[in-house]
C-alpha atoms as a PDB file:
ATOM      1  CA  MET A   1     106.434 103.697  96.956  1.00  0.00           C
ATOM      2  CA  LEU A   2     102.730 103.074  97.080  1.00  0.00           C
ATOM      3  CA  ARG A   3     103.436  99.501  95.974  1.00  0.00           C
ATOM      4  CA  GLN A   4     104.811  98.826  99.462  1.00  0.00           C
ATOM      5  CA  TYR A   5     101.304  99.387 100.766  1.00  0.00           C
ATOM      6  CA  PHE A   6      99.050  98.516  97.817  1.00  0.00           C
ATOM      7  CA  PRO A   7      99.752  95.894  95.124  1.00  0.00           C
ATOM      8  CA  LYS A   8      99.772  96.951  91.473  1.00  0.00           C
ATOM      9  CA  GLY A   9      96.257  97.257  90.107  1.00  0.00           C
ATOM     10  CA  THR A  10      94.684  97.864  93.516  1.00  0.00           C
ATOM     11  CA  ASP A  11      91.462  99.859  93.394  1.00  0.00           C
ATOM     12  CA  LEU A  12      92.200 102.602  95.927  1.00  0.00           C
ATOM     13  CA  SER A  13      88.504 103.419  96.217  1.00  0.00           C
ATOM     14  CA  ARG A  14      88.190 100.226  98.287  1.00  0.00           C
ATOM     15  CA  TRP A  15      90.316 101.793 101.035  1.00  0.00           C
ATOM     16  CA  SER A  16      89.045 104.287 103.584  1.00  0.00           C
ATOM     17  CA  ALA A  17      90.219 107.887 103.653  1.00  0.00           C
ATOM     18  CA  GLU A  18      91.856 107.138 106.999  1.00  0.00           C
ATOM     19  CA  ASP A  19      93.879 104.289 105.475  1.00  0.00           C
ATOM     20  CA  LEU A  20      95.049 106.472 102.597  1.00  0.00           C
ATOM     21  CA  GLU A  21      95.916 109.334 104.956  1.00  0.00           C
ATOM     22  CA  ALA A  22      97.995 106.966 107.101  1.00  0.00           C
ATOM     23  CA  VAL A  23      99.988 105.878 104.045  1.00  0.00           C
ATOM     24  CA  ALA A  24     100.475 109.502 102.942  1.00  0.00           C
ATOM     25  CA  LEU A  25     101.690 110.428 106.427  1.00  0.00           C
ATOM     26  CA  ALA A  26     104.141 107.527 106.463  1.00  0.00           C
ATOM     27  CA  LEU A  27     105.524 108.428 103.026  1.00  0.00           C
ATOM     28  CA  ASN A  28     105.787 112.147 103.769  1.00  0.00           C
ATOM     29  CA  ASN A  29     107.712 111.473 106.968  1.00  0.00           C
ATOM     30  CA  ARG A  30     110.212 109.024 105.450  1.00  0.00           C
ATOM     31  CA  PRO A  31     113.694 110.506 104.914  1.00  0.00           C
ATOM     32  CA  ARG A  32     114.850 110.478 101.283  1.00  0.00           C
ATOM     33  CA  LYS A  33     118.386 110.290  99.986  1.00  0.00           C
ATOM     34  CA  SER A  34     117.409 112.602  97.109  1.00  0.00           C
ATOM     35  CA  LEU A  35     116.425 115.249  99.681  1.00  0.00           C
ATOM     36  CA  ASP A  36     119.724 114.977 101.579  1.00  0.00           C
ATOM     37  CA  TRP A  37     118.039 112.646 104.082  1.00  0.00           C
ATOM     38  CA  LYS A  38     115.304 115.134 104.917  1.00  0.00           C
ATOM     39  CA  THR A  39     111.658 114.194 104.790  1.00  0.00           C
ATOM     40  CA  PRO A  40     109.346 115.654 102.127  1.00  0.00           C
ATOM     41  CA  ALA A  41     107.431 117.327 104.970  1.00  0.00           C
ATOM     42  CA  GLU A  42     110.620 119.035 106.202  1.00  0.00           C
ATOM     43  CA  VAL A  43     111.499 120.278 102.720  1.00  0.00           C
ATOM     44  CA  PHE A  44     107.969 121.589 102.227  1.00  0.00           C
ATOM     45  CA  GLU A  45     108.085 123.477 105.536  1.00  0.00           C
ATOM     46  CA  GLU A  46     111.422 125.068 104.570  1.00  0.00           C
ATOM     47  CA  GLN A  47     109.888 126.748 101.523  1.00  0.00           C
ATOM     48  CA  PRO A  48     109.339 130.505 101.858  1.00  0.00           C
ATOM     49  CA  ARG A  49     105.782 131.417 102.767  1.00  0.00           C
ATOM     50  CA  SER A  50     105.593 133.682  99.702  1.00  0.00           C
ATOM     51  CA  LEU A  51     105.520 130.588  97.480  1.00  0.00           C
ATOM     52  CA  GLN A  52     102.540 129.091  99.243  1.00  0.00           C
END
């Protein structure tokens, strides 16, 4: 999924932390079929606190 934002072979050190955080936020808030159309962030929040 990173390829949608950065071409193959891209040196990620050229990008600012803010740019990388924006991409991470976008990916973590995108619904996934494999997660029954929930976002990774939603699935993470559903985990029992004892596992964290």
